[in-house]
């Protein structure tokens, strides 16, 4: 990675401006470098003054960034500015000594100018394509607190290892309604509790898709809107509980914007890391557990493996609900004691996590609702769902797996309760995660809903459903969900078809 660890002062200096996805220092570097490149083509009378002024800004700004941390996106800007600087400095020095210097003809200077200009332009383009994510401000009445817990299930041996004394351990990120905090209060780091953990996770995520680790360097600097270990909100009664399972090789923080929005509306969200399945899980003892799951390329074998991994995740979700029940008991010493309403619990997930949520809801009747964020169902479709379900899917295209919709229809049709499938226009598979906040806005990757709209849309649809089924909201949930896409209703006597407003 290009950036070294910095202190709080460094973080303030490098605070990202959302529009151009660059800090003030980085903007100054780009603008002064652009002026340096253009100075060669100014009238002779203005050229020395403009070049001197631009150089006086570029050089100390470059030095300041070298001290506080240079993102890889700004390396081309440094190279472009450094390359053109000598060609401007030498004529100025010659003029001061009274010597006449040779000046390249325009047709000789033009290729160099274009090359340096291209390098300078590449910096903002790269910063825009791979920005430091700026998380949306949650819209609910509560501030958001977060903390990480680690729980071991003594009743389940770890099936991914041969060590008989190794028992299943999960790491859980809790997001909860918190007391109001000052605007200047430091926010929680995004990908991990520490910078080292964030880097470990970011490198594992990029390695999993065959990309160089430095591409997510900006993500390791990001902070969410939650405050670590913030005091629990005094009002709001008992909080309904929402469990979340990430996608295959995903991580517990991958839906932080979604989780924080739910928490700001009075929900406790518990997002899981599944060791040996999540990309990288950093345990309390310092060990890092990396993913041990991978595709074989054989469809039948992969389906069999996915069903097994889904079952493990479903068991993890049930175990975490049990631990949350103990955590929330009134006689407990935890800050959340007496504040959790585990009788109103929903199980949710993205991709394979969505499949695990469906399985958990079938097997564990403590879950009162299930939300599947674009997850292909794995494993058996029995027993039937006895709880309301929401499935949000990406826009269906000719490239969509032809088995996807029939499997979803089978899962919802077998339900004893109502299931809602919402097809979100312009959504891709990663639209339902935080990825639109920091990946290039390529529709086939993150959809076309935009960086700001994507997390709000997914959280809004989830809240519309959960408020209706867990909080007894009035009105038809299908009508509320129709704001977010095309709604089909199945189960509970319905055979399918669009919702009627």
Protein backbone atom coordinates (compact mmCIF):
# COMPACT_ATOMS: atom_id res chain seq x y z
CA UNK A 1 0.00 0.00 0.00
CA UNK A 2 1.13 3.51 -0.70
CA UNK A 3 -0.15 5.15 2.42
CA UNK A 4 1.60 4.89 5.76
CA UNK A 5 -0.22 4.96 9.08
CA UNK A 6 -1.04 8.47 10.23
CA UNK A 7 -2.44 10.12 13.31
CA UNK A 8 -5.62 12.08 13.87
CA UNK A 9 -4.06 15.24 12.44
CA UNK A 10 -3.20 13.37 9.25
CA UNK A 11 -6.79 12.17 8.96
CA UNK A 12 -8.09 15.74 9.22
CA UNK A 13 -5.62 16.99 6.61
CA UNK A 14 -6.68 14.21 4.24
CA UNK A 15 -10.43 14.47 4.85
CA UNK A 16 -12.12 13.54 1.60
CA UNK A 17 -14.36 16.02 -0.22
CA UNK A 18 -17.31 13.90 -1.49
CA UNK A 19 -17.74 15.50 -4.94
CA UNK A 20 -14.29 15.02 -6.46
CA UNK A 21 -13.37 12.21 -4.01
CA UNK A 22 -10.18 14.03 -3.07
CA UNK A 23 -8.90 15.93 -0.07
CA UNK A 24 -8.04 19.63 -0.20
CA UNK A 25 -4.32 18.85 -0.42
CA UNK A 26 -4.95 16.43 -3.28
CA UNK A 27 -7.05 19.00 -5.13
CA UNK A 28 -4.27 21.56 -4.76
CA UNK A 29 -1.76 19.04 -6.09
CA UNK A 30 -3.89 18.30 -9.18
CA UNK A 31 -4.69 21.95 -9.94
CA UNK A 32 -1.09 23.16 -9.52
CA UNK A 33 0.19 20.27 -11.66
CA UNK A 34 -2.34 21.12 -14.38
CA UNK A 35 -1.17 24.75 -14.36
CA UNK A 36 2.47 23.62 -14.56
CA UNK A 37 1.68 21.54 -17.65
CA UNK A 38 -0.26 24.38 -19.29
CA UNK A 39 2.33 27.07 -18.47
CA UNK A 40 4.48 26.17 -21.50
CA UNK A 41 1.70 27.44 -23.78
CA UNK A 42 1.08 30.78 -22.08
CA UNK A 43 2.29 34.09 -23.54
CA UNK A 44 6.00 34.72 -22.77
CA UNK A 45 5.24 37.64 -20.43
CA UNK A 46 2.90 35.60 -18.20
CA UNK A 47 4.72 32.29 -18.36
CA UNK A 48 7.42 32.88 -15.68
CA UNK A 49 5.02 34.27 -13.06
CA UNK A 50 2.42 31.53 -13.56
CA UNK A 51 5.02 28.75 -13.56
CA UNK A 52 6.65 30.10 -10.40
CA UNK A 53 3.31 30.39 -8.58
CA UNK A 54 2.19 26.91 -9.63
CA UNK A 55 5.53 25.40 -8.63
CA UNK A 56 5.35 27.19 -5.27
CA UNK A 57 2.06 25.39 -4.63
CA UNK A 58 2.88 22.02 -6.18
CA UNK A 59 6.19 21.37 -4.42
CA UNK A 60 5.12 21.94 -0.77
CA UNK A 61 1.82 20.18 -1.43
CA UNK A 62 3.67 17.13 -2.78
CA UNK A 63 5.96 17.16 0.26
CA UNK A 64 2.98 17.47 2.63
CA UNK A 65 1.25 14.50 1.02
CA UNK A 66 4.48 12.50 1.21
CA UNK A 67 4.40 13.04 4.97
CA UNK A 68 0.67 12.51 5.60
CA UNK A 69 0.19 9.73 3.05
CA UNK A 70 -0.07 9.54 -0.75
CA UNK A 71 -2.87 7.49 -2.24
CA UNK A 72 -1.95 5.46 -5.30
CA UNK A 73 -4.47 7.47 -7.34
CA UNK A 74 -2.26 10.56 -6.99
CA UNK A 75 1.00 8.90 -8.12
CA UNK A 76 0.39 9.83 -11.80
CA UNK A 77 -0.13 13.47 -10.76
CA UNK A 78 3.18 13.48 -8.91
CA UNK A 79 4.94 11.93 -11.90
CA UNK A 80 3.37 14.35 -14.37
CA UNK A 81 4.23 17.41 -12.26
CA UNK A 82 7.75 16.21 -11.56
CA UNK A 83 8.36 15.52 -15.25
CA UNK A 84 7.38 19.01 -16.41
CA UNK A 85 8.97 20.94 -13.55
CA UNK A 86 12.58 20.85 -14.87
CA UNK A 87 11.52 22.14 -18.29
CA UNK A 88 9.99 25.16 -16.59
CA UNK A 89 12.69 25.68 -14.03
CA UNK A 90 15.68 25.64 -16.40
CA UNK A 91 14.52 28.63 -18.54
CA UNK A 92 13.76 30.59 -15.36
CA UNK A 93 17.24 29.92 -14.00
CA UNK A 94 18.83 30.87 -17.30
CA UNK A 95 16.86 34.09 -17.38
CA UNK A 96 18.13 35.00 -13.89
CA UNK A 97 21.73 34.49 -15.00
CA UNK A 98 21.22 36.45 -18.21
CA UNK A 99 21.93 33.46 -20.43
CA UNK A 100 19.73 32.72 -23.40
CA UNK A 101 18.29 29.24 -23.25
CA UNK A 102 17.12 27.01 -26.04
CA UNK A 103 13.35 26.52 -26.13
CA UNK A 104 11.82 23.54 -27.89
CA UNK A 105 9.57 24.25 -30.84
CA UNK A 106 5.88 23.69 -30.28
CA UNK A 107 5.71 20.49 -32.30
CA UNK A 108 8.49 19.02 -30.17
CA UNK A 109 6.92 20.17 -26.88
CA UNK A 110 3.39 19.02 -27.71
CA UNK A 111 3.90 15.23 -27.18
CA UNK A 112 5.48 15.83 -23.77
CA UNK A 113 2.69 18.19 -22.77
CA UNK A 114 0.04 15.71 -23.80
CA UNK A 115 1.79 12.89 -21.93
CA UNK A 116 2.16 14.94 -18.72
CA UNK A 117 -1.38 16.26 -19.06
CA UNK A 118 -2.66 12.70 -19.39
CA UNK A 119 -0.84 11.70 -16.20
CA UNK A 120 -2.31 14.65 -14.31
CA UNK A 121 -5.81 13.87 -15.61
CA UNK A 122 -5.43 10.20 -14.63
CA UNK A 123 -5.24 11.14 -10.95
CA UNK A 124 -8.75 12.60 -10.54
CA UNK A 125 -10.16 9.87 -12.80
CA UNK A 126 -8.63 7.15 -10.60
CA UNK A 127 -9.76 8.94 -7.42
CA UNK A 128 -13.30 9.11 -8.80
CA UNK A 129 -13.26 5.45 -9.91
CA UNK A 130 -11.81 4.11 -6.62
CA UNK A 131 -12.71 6.74 -4.01
CA UNK A 132 -12.48 6.74 -0.27
CA UNK A 133 -16.13 5.86 0.40
CA UNK A 134 -18.26 8.55 2.02
CA UNK A 135 -21.09 6.87 3.89
CA UNK A 136 -24.58 8.39 3.75
CA UNK A 137 -25.89 10.05 6.87
CA UNK A 138 -28.51 7.73 8.44
CA UNK A 139 -31.98 9.24 8.23
CA UNK A 140 -33.48 7.84 11.44
CA UNK A 141 -34.02 9.52 14.80
CA UNK A 142 -31.12 7.75 16.53
CA UNK A 143 -27.37 8.12 16.35
CA UNK A 144 -25.63 4.80 15.68
CA UNK A 145 -23.19 2.94 17.89
CA UNK A 146 -21.16 -0.12 16.99
CA UNK A 147 -19.07 -2.76 18.71
CA UNK A 148 -17.56 -6.13 17.81
CA UNK A 149 -18.07 -9.33 19.79
CA UNK A 150 -16.64 -12.81 19.33
CA UNK A 151 -18.56 -15.90 20.36
CA UNK A 152 -17.63 -19.61 20.34
CA UNK A 153 -20.24 -22.37 20.15
CA UNK A 154 -19.03 -25.20 22.41
CA UNK A 155 -21.61 -27.58 20.93
CA UNK A 156 -20.28 -27.39 17.36
CA UNK A 157 -16.84 -28.62 16.26
CA UNK A 158 -15.20 -26.55 13.51
CA UNK A 159 -15.79 -28.62 10.37
CA UNK A 160 -13.20 -26.73 8.31
CA UNK A 161 -10.33 -28.02 10.48
CA UNK A 162 -9.24 -31.45 11.69
CA UNK A 163 -8.49 -30.29 15.23
CA UNK A 164 -11.08 -31.94 17.54
CA UNK A 165 -10.79 -29.23 20.19
CA UNK A 166 -11.50 -26.47 17.67
CA UNK A 167 -15.08 -25.22 18.03
CA UNK A 168 -17.05 -22.94 15.75
CA UNK A 169 -16.32 -19.24 16.41
CA UNK A 170 -18.04 -16.27 14.83
CA UNK A 171 -17.21 -12.57 14.90
CA UNK A 172 -20.22 -10.26 15.04
CA UNK A 173 -20.50 -6.51 14.39
CA UNK A 174 -23.35 -4.95 16.36
CA UNK A 175 -24.95 -1.71 15.14
CA UNK A 176 -27.46 -0.25 17.58
CA UNK A 177 -29.42 2.92 18.36
CA UNK A 178 -27.18 5.23 20.39
CA UNK A 179 -27.40 8.48 22.26
CA UNK A 180 -26.77 11.66 20.30
CA UNK A 181 -23.09 12.44 19.74
CA UNK A 182 -21.24 15.62 18.83
CA UNK A 183 -20.69 16.19 15.12
CA UNK A 184 -16.92 16.08 15.61
CA UNK A 185 -16.91 12.70 17.39
CA UNK A 186 -14.55 10.23 15.72
CA UNK A 187 -16.38 7.60 13.71
CA UNK A 188 -15.67 3.90 13.56
CA UNK A 189 -13.26 2.56 10.99
CA UNK A 190 -15.05 0.79 8.14
CA UNK A 191 -13.38 -2.52 7.30
CA UNK A 192 -11.94 -3.34 10.70
CA UNK A 193 -11.40 -2.24 14.27
CA UNK A 194 -7.84 -1.14 13.48
CA UNK A 195 -6.01 0.03 10.40
CA UNK A 196 -4.09 -3.26 10.26
CA UNK A 197 -7.33 -5.25 10.33
CA UNK A 198 -8.84 -3.02 7.64
CA UNK A 199 -5.79 -3.60 5.41
CA UNK A 200 -5.89 -7.34 5.99
CA UNK A 201 -9.55 -7.50 5.00
CA UNK A 202 -9.13 -5.19 1.97
CA UNK A 203 -6.21 -7.22 0.64
CA UNK A 204 -8.17 -10.45 1.11
CA UNK A 205 -11.18 -9.03 -0.75
CA UNK A 206 -9.10 -7.91 -3.74
CA UNK A 207 -7.09 -11.12 -3.78
CA UNK A 208 -10.33 -13.09 -3.91
CA UNK A 209 -11.28 -11.51 -7.24
CA UNK A 210 -7.76 -11.51 -8.67
CA UNK A 211 -7.10 -7.77 -8.37
CA UNK A 212 -4.05 -6.00 -6.89
CA UNK A 213 -4.54 -5.06 -3.25
CA UNK A 214 -3.68 -1.39 -3.65
CA UNK A 215 -6.92 -0.75 -5.56
CA UNK A 216 -8.85 -0.66 -2.27
CA UNK A 217 -6.26 1.40 -0.42
CA UNK A 218 -8.77 4.21 -0.09
CA UNK A 219 -11.33 1.90 1.49
CA UNK A 220 -8.97 1.16 4.38
CA UNK A 221 -9.08 4.86 5.25
CA UNK A 222 -12.86 5.04 5.32
CA UNK A 223 -14.95 5.59 8.40
CA UNK A 224 -18.63 4.84 8.67
CA UNK A 225 -21.24 6.99 10.43
CA UNK A 226 -21.30 4.85 13.58
CA UNK A 227 -19.39 5.61 16.80
CA UNK A 228 -17.47 2.76 18.40
CA UNK A 229 -18.86 1.76 21.83
CA UNK A 230 -21.27 4.71 21.91
CA UNK A 231 -23.75 4.67 24.84
CA UNK A 232 -27.02 2.91 24.01
CA UNK A 233 -29.99 5.21 23.37
CA UNK A 234 -32.05 5.81 26.49
CA UNK A 235 -35.37 5.92 24.65
CA UNK A 236 -36.82 3.76 21.91
CA UNK A 237 -37.94 0.86 24.09
CA UNK A 238 -36.76 -2.62 23.16
CA UNK A 239 -35.09 -2.92 19.75
CA UNK A 240 -36.16 -5.52 17.17
CA UNK A 241 -33.19 -7.63 16.11
CA UNK A 242 -31.89 -8.12 12.55
CA UNK A 243 -29.16 -10.69 11.81
CA UNK A 244 -27.11 -10.37 8.61
CA UNK A 245 -24.97 -12.88 6.70
CA UNK A 246 -22.65 -11.53 3.94
CA UNK A 247 -22.09 -12.99 0.50
CA UNK A 248 -19.65 -15.75 -0.34
CA UNK A 249 -16.18 -14.53 0.71
CA UNK A 250 -17.90 -11.37 1.93
CA UNK A 251 -17.28 -9.75 5.29
CA UNK A 252 -19.44 -8.55 8.17
CA UNK A 253 -18.98 -4.87 7.28
CA UNK A 254 -19.92 -5.17 3.60
CA UNK A 255 -23.41 -3.72 4.24
CA UNK A 256 -22.50 -1.08 6.83
CA UNK A 257 -24.53 1.72 5.19
CA UNK A 258 -27.59 -0.56 5.21
CA UNK A 259 -27.01 -1.67 8.81
CA UNK A 260 -26.49 1.87 10.10
CA UNK A 261 -29.67 3.08 8.40
CA UNK A 262 -31.65 0.30 10.10
CA UNK A 263 -30.02 1.04 13.47
CA UNK A 264 -30.89 4.72 13.17
CA UNK A 265 -34.54 3.64 12.90
CA UNK A 266 -34.43 1.64 16.13
CA UNK A 267 -33.17 -1.82 15.10
CA UNK A 268 -30.25 -3.80 16.49
CA UNK A 269 -28.29 -5.22 13.54
CA UNK A 270 -25.87 -8.10 14.11
CA UNK A 271 -23.66 -8.75 11.05
CA UNK A 272 -21.61 -11.94 11.00
CA UNK A 273 -18.20 -12.98 9.80
CA UNK A 274 -18.23 -16.71 8.95
CA UNK A 275 -14.65 -18.02 9.47
CA UNK A 276 -13.24 -20.05 6.57
CA UNK A 277 -15.98 -18.58 4.37
CA UNK A 278 -15.55 -14.82 4.80
CA UNK A 279 -12.53 -13.42 2.95
CA UNK A 280 -10.56 -12.78 6.15
CA UNK A 281 -11.62 -12.90 9.79
CA UNK A 282 -9.29 -11.40 12.42
CA UNK A 283 -9.89 -13.10 15.75
CA UNK A 284 -9.37 -11.64 19.21
CA UNK A 285 -6.19 -13.71 19.72
CA UNK A 286 -4.61 -12.10 16.65
CA UNK A 287 -5.06 -15.00 14.26
CA UNK A 288 -6.38 -14.30 10.77
CA UNK A 289 -8.67 -16.98 9.32
CA UNK A 290 -8.87 -16.81 5.55
CA UNK A 291 -11.48 -18.28 3.24
CA UNK A 292 -11.29 -21.99 2.52
CA UNK A 293 -14.23 -22.12 0.12
CA UNK A 294 -13.84 -22.01 -3.64
CA UNK A 295 -15.63 -23.08 -6.80
CA UNK A 296 -14.64 -26.31 -8.53
CA UNK A 297 -16.13 -25.39 -11.91
CA UNK A 298 -18.44 -28.43 -11.82
CA UNK A 299 -22.03 -27.18 -11.46
CA UNK A 300 -23.38 -30.20 -9.56
CA UNK A 301 -20.40 -30.36 -7.20
CA UNK A 302 -20.51 -26.62 -6.60
CA UNK A 303 -24.22 -26.80 -5.77
CA UNK A 304 -23.52 -29.56 -3.28
CA UNK A 305 -20.72 -27.57 -1.66
CA UNK A 306 -22.82 -24.39 -1.56
CA UNK A 307 -25.64 -26.25 0.17
CA UNK A 308 -23.20 -27.44 2.84
CA UNK A 309 -21.70 -23.99 3.38
CA UNK A 310 -25.20 -22.51 3.52
CA UNK A 311 -26.14 -24.97 6.26
CA UNK A 312 -23.11 -23.93 8.31
CA UNK A 313 -24.05 -20.28 7.93
CA UNK A 314 -27.65 -21.02 8.94
CA UNK A 315 -26.38 -22.70 12.10
CA UNK A 316 -24.16 -19.67 12.78
CA UNK A 317 -27.20 -17.40 12.53
CA UNK A 318 -29.21 -19.50 14.96
CA UNK A 319 -26.30 -19.57 17.41
CA UNK A 320 -25.91 -15.79 17.28
CA UNK A 321 -29.61 -15.31 17.97
CA UNK A 322 -29.19 -17.52 21.05
CA UNK A 323 -26.28 -15.38 22.23
CA UNK A 324 -28.26 -12.21 21.63
CA UNK A 325 -31.07 -13.61 23.75
CA UNK A 326 -28.59 -14.07 26.59
CA UNK A 327 -26.99 -10.66 25.96
CA UNK A 328 -30.33 -8.88 26.17
CA UNK A 329 -31.59 -10.46 29.40
CA UNK A 330 -32.57 -7.87 31.94
CA UNK A 331 -30.35 -9.36 34.62
CA UNK A 332 -27.26 -9.17 32.42
CA UNK A 333 -24.49 -6.62 32.85
CA UNK A 334 -24.25 -5.68 29.18
CA UNK A 335 -25.24 -2.14 28.06
CA UNK A 336 -27.88 -3.80 25.83
CA UNK A 337 -29.40 -5.79 28.72
CA UNK A 338 -33.16 -5.42 28.68
CA UNK A 339 -33.10 -3.54 25.37
CA UNK A 340 -33.30 -6.36 22.80
CA UNK A 341 -36.62 -7.75 21.60
CA UNK A 342 -35.46 -11.11 20.23
CA UNK A 343 -39.11 -12.10 19.91
CA UNK A 344 -39.12 -9.73 16.92
CA UNK A 345 -36.07 -11.05 15.07
CA UNK A 346 -35.43 -11.04 11.32
CA UNK A 347 -32.72 -12.98 9.52
CA UNK A 348 -31.19 -11.40 6.42
CA UNK A 349 -28.29 -11.86 4.04
CA UNK A 350 -26.75 -11.00 0.68
CA UNK A 351 -26.04 -13.56 -2.05
CA UNK A 352 -25.07 -16.81 -0.28
CA UNK A 353 -25.94 -15.05 2.96
CA UNK A 354 -29.46 -14.60 1.59
CA UNK A 355 -29.64 -18.34 0.91
CA UNK A 356 -28.45 -18.96 4.49
CA UNK A 357 -31.12 -16.58 5.79
CA UNK A 358 -33.84 -18.56 3.98
CA UNK A 359 -32.51 -21.81 5.45
CA UNK A 360 -32.26 -20.34 8.94
CA UNK A 361 -35.84 -19.06 8.76
CA UNK A 362 -37.07 -22.53 7.72
CA UNK A 363 -35.23 -24.31 10.51
CA UNK A 364 -35.48 -21.86 13.40
CA UNK A 365 -38.95 -20.55 14.18
CA UNK A 366 -37.56 -17.89 16.48
CA UNK A 367 -37.00 -15.81 13.35
CA UNK A 368 -40.15 -13.83 12.61
CA UNK A 369 -39.14 -12.63 9.11
CA UNK A 370 -36.51 -13.17 6.43
CA UNK A 371 -34.88 -10.85 3.88
CA UNK A 372 -32.82 -12.21 0.96
CA UNK A 373 -30.73 -9.61 -0.86
CA UNK A 374 -30.26 -11.16 -4.32
CA UNK A 375 -29.34 -14.57 -2.98
CA UNK A 376 -29.65 -17.76 -5.07
CA UNK A 377 -31.39 -20.38 -2.85
CA UNK A 378 -29.18 -23.35 -2.02
CA UNK A 379 -30.14 -26.59 -0.34
CA UNK A 380 -33.61 -28.09 0.12
CA UNK A 381 -36.76 -26.02 -0.22
CA UNK A 382 -38.29 -27.81 2.76
CA UNK A 383 -39.55 -27.45 5.35
CA UNK A 384 -41.80 -24.70 4.08
CA UNK A 385 -41.28 -21.14 5.23
CA UNK A 386 -43.70 -20.16 7.95
CA UNK A 387 -42.60 -16.55 8.10
CA UNK A 388 -43.04 -13.56 5.74
CA UNK A 389 -40.17 -13.16 3.31
CA UNK A 390 -38.74 -10.36 1.18
CA UNK A 391 -36.43 -11.04 -1.74
CA UNK A 392 -34.75 -8.11 -3.50
CA UNK A 393 -33.29 -9.08 -6.87
CA UNK A 394 -31.15 -7.37 -9.43
CA UNK A 395 -32.56 -6.43 -12.81
CA UNK A 396 -33.09 -9.64 -14.78
CA UNK A 397 -31.11 -9.79 -18.03
CA UNK A 398 -30.33 -12.50 -20.63
CA UNK A 399 -27.13 -13.18 -18.65
CA UNK A 400 -29.03 -14.02 -15.46
CA UNK A 401 -28.72 -17.66 -14.39
CA UNK A 402 -31.89 -19.27 -15.84
CA UNK A 403 -32.27 -21.33 -12.64
CA UNK A 404 -32.44 -18.24 -10.42
CA UNK A 405 -36.08 -17.14 -10.73
CA UNK A 406 -37.52 -20.68 -10.69
CA UNK A 407 -35.59 -21.44 -7.49
CA UNK A 408 -36.84 -18.24 -5.87
CA UNK A 409 -40.40 -18.99 -6.99
CA UNK A 410 -40.10 -22.49 -5.50
CA UNK A 411 -38.83 -21.10 -2.20
CA UNK A 412 -41.63 -18.53 -1.90
CA UNK A 413 -44.43 -20.69 -3.28
CA UNK A 414 -43.77 -23.30 -0.58
CA UNK A 415 -44.27 -20.67 2.10
CA UNK A 416 -47.13 -20.76 4.59
CA UNK A 417 -46.84 -16.98 4.80
CA UNK A 418 -46.58 -14.18 2.26
CA UNK A 419 -43.42 -13.74 0.21
CA UNK A 420 -42.55 -10.59 -1.72
CA UNK A 421 -40.07 -10.45 -4.59
CA UNK A 422 -39.00 -6.98 -5.67
CA UNK A 423 -37.02 -6.65 -8.91
CA UNK A 424 -35.04 -3.43 -8.59
CA UNK A 425 -34.57 -1.60 -11.94
CA UNK A 426 -30.95 -0.75 -12.69
CA UNK A 427 -29.61 -2.96 -9.91
CA UNK A 428 -26.69 -5.38 -10.23
CA UNK A 429 -25.62 -8.01 -7.72
CA UNK A 430 -23.34 -5.63 -5.82
CA UNK A 431 -25.95 -2.87 -5.69
CA UNK A 432 -27.17 -4.54 -2.50
CA UNK A 433 -23.84 -3.96 -0.68
CA UNK A 434 -21.60 -0.97 0.07
CA UNK A 435 -19.70 -1.59 -3.19
CA UNK A 436 -21.32 1.31 -5.14
CA UNK A 437 -19.68 3.67 -2.62
CA UNK A 438 -16.13 2.73 -3.61
CA UNK A 439 -16.03 0.74 -6.86
CA UNK A 440 -16.07 2.25 -10.38
CA UNK A 441 -19.66 3.11 -11.37
CA UNK A 442 -19.85 0.41 -14.05
CA UNK A 443 -23.50 -0.71 -14.41
CA UNK A 444 -22.62 -4.39 -14.88
CA UNK A 445 -20.70 -4.34 -11.57
CA UNK A 446 -22.58 -2.04 -9.20
CA UNK A 447 -25.69 -1.18 -11.20
CA UNK A 448 -26.85 2.20 -12.44
CA UNK A 449 -28.65 3.50 -9.34
CA UNK A 450 -25.73 5.71 -8.30
CA UNK A 451 -23.46 5.86 -5.28
CA UNK A 452 -25.83 7.81 -3.08
CA UNK A 453 -29.09 6.15 -4.11
CA UNK A 454 -28.07 2.48 -3.98
CA UNK A 455 -27.63 2.11 -0.19
CA UNK A 456 -30.69 4.26 0.52
CA UNK A 457 -32.84 2.17 -1.83
CA UNK A 458 -31.82 -1.18 -0.33
CA UNK A 459 -32.25 0.05 3.25
CA UNK A 460 -35.54 1.76 2.41
CA UNK A 461 -37.08 -1.40 0.96
CA UNK A 462 -35.83 -3.44 3.91
CA UNK A 463 -37.30 -0.98 6.41
CA UNK A 464 -40.64 -0.88 4.59
CA UNK A 465 -40.88 -4.66 4.96
CA UNK A 466 -39.54 -4.98 8.52
CA UNK A 467 -41.66 -2.12 9.85
CA UNK A 468 -44.73 -3.87 8.43
CA UNK A 469 -44.03 -7.39 9.70
CA UNK A 470 -42.11 -6.75 12.93
CA UNK A 471 -43.70 -3.51 14.10
CA UNK A 472 -47.24 -4.10 12.94
CA UNK A 473 -47.33 -1.33 10.38
CA UNK A 474 -50.63 -0.64 8.69
CA UNK A 475 -51.29 -1.01 4.99
CA UNK A 476 -50.25 -3.56 2.39
CA UNK A 477 -46.44 -4.11 2.40
CA UNK A 478 -46.60 -4.75 -1.35
CA UNK A 479 -47.77 -1.19 -1.95
CA UNK A 480 -44.94 0.25 0.16
CA UNK A 481 -42.42 -1.99 -1.64
CA UNK A 482 -43.69 -0.98 -5.08
CA UNK A 483 -41.80 2.30 -4.69
CA UNK A 484 -38.54 0.35 -5.07
CA UNK A 485 -39.33 -1.87 -8.04
CA UNK A 486 -41.68 -4.39 -9.57
CA UNK A 487 -43.33 -6.45 -6.82
CA UNK A 488 -44.56 -10.03 -7.08
CA UNK A 489 -46.39 -11.66 -4.19
CA UNK A 490 -46.33 -15.41 -3.55
CA UNK A 491 -47.42 -17.82 -0.84
CA UNK A 492 -50.34 -17.52 1.60
CA UNK A 493 -52.80 -18.30 -1.15
CA UNK A 494 -51.25 -16.01 -3.76
CA UNK A 495 -50.02 -17.60 -7.00
CA UNK A 496 -47.83 -14.71 -8.06
CA UNK A 497 -48.09 -11.61 -10.17
CA UNK A 498 -47.56 -7.91 -9.67
CA UNK A 499 -48.89 -6.16 -6.61
CA UNK A 500 -51.96 -4.00 -7.06
CA UNK A 501 -51.61 -0.50 -5.57
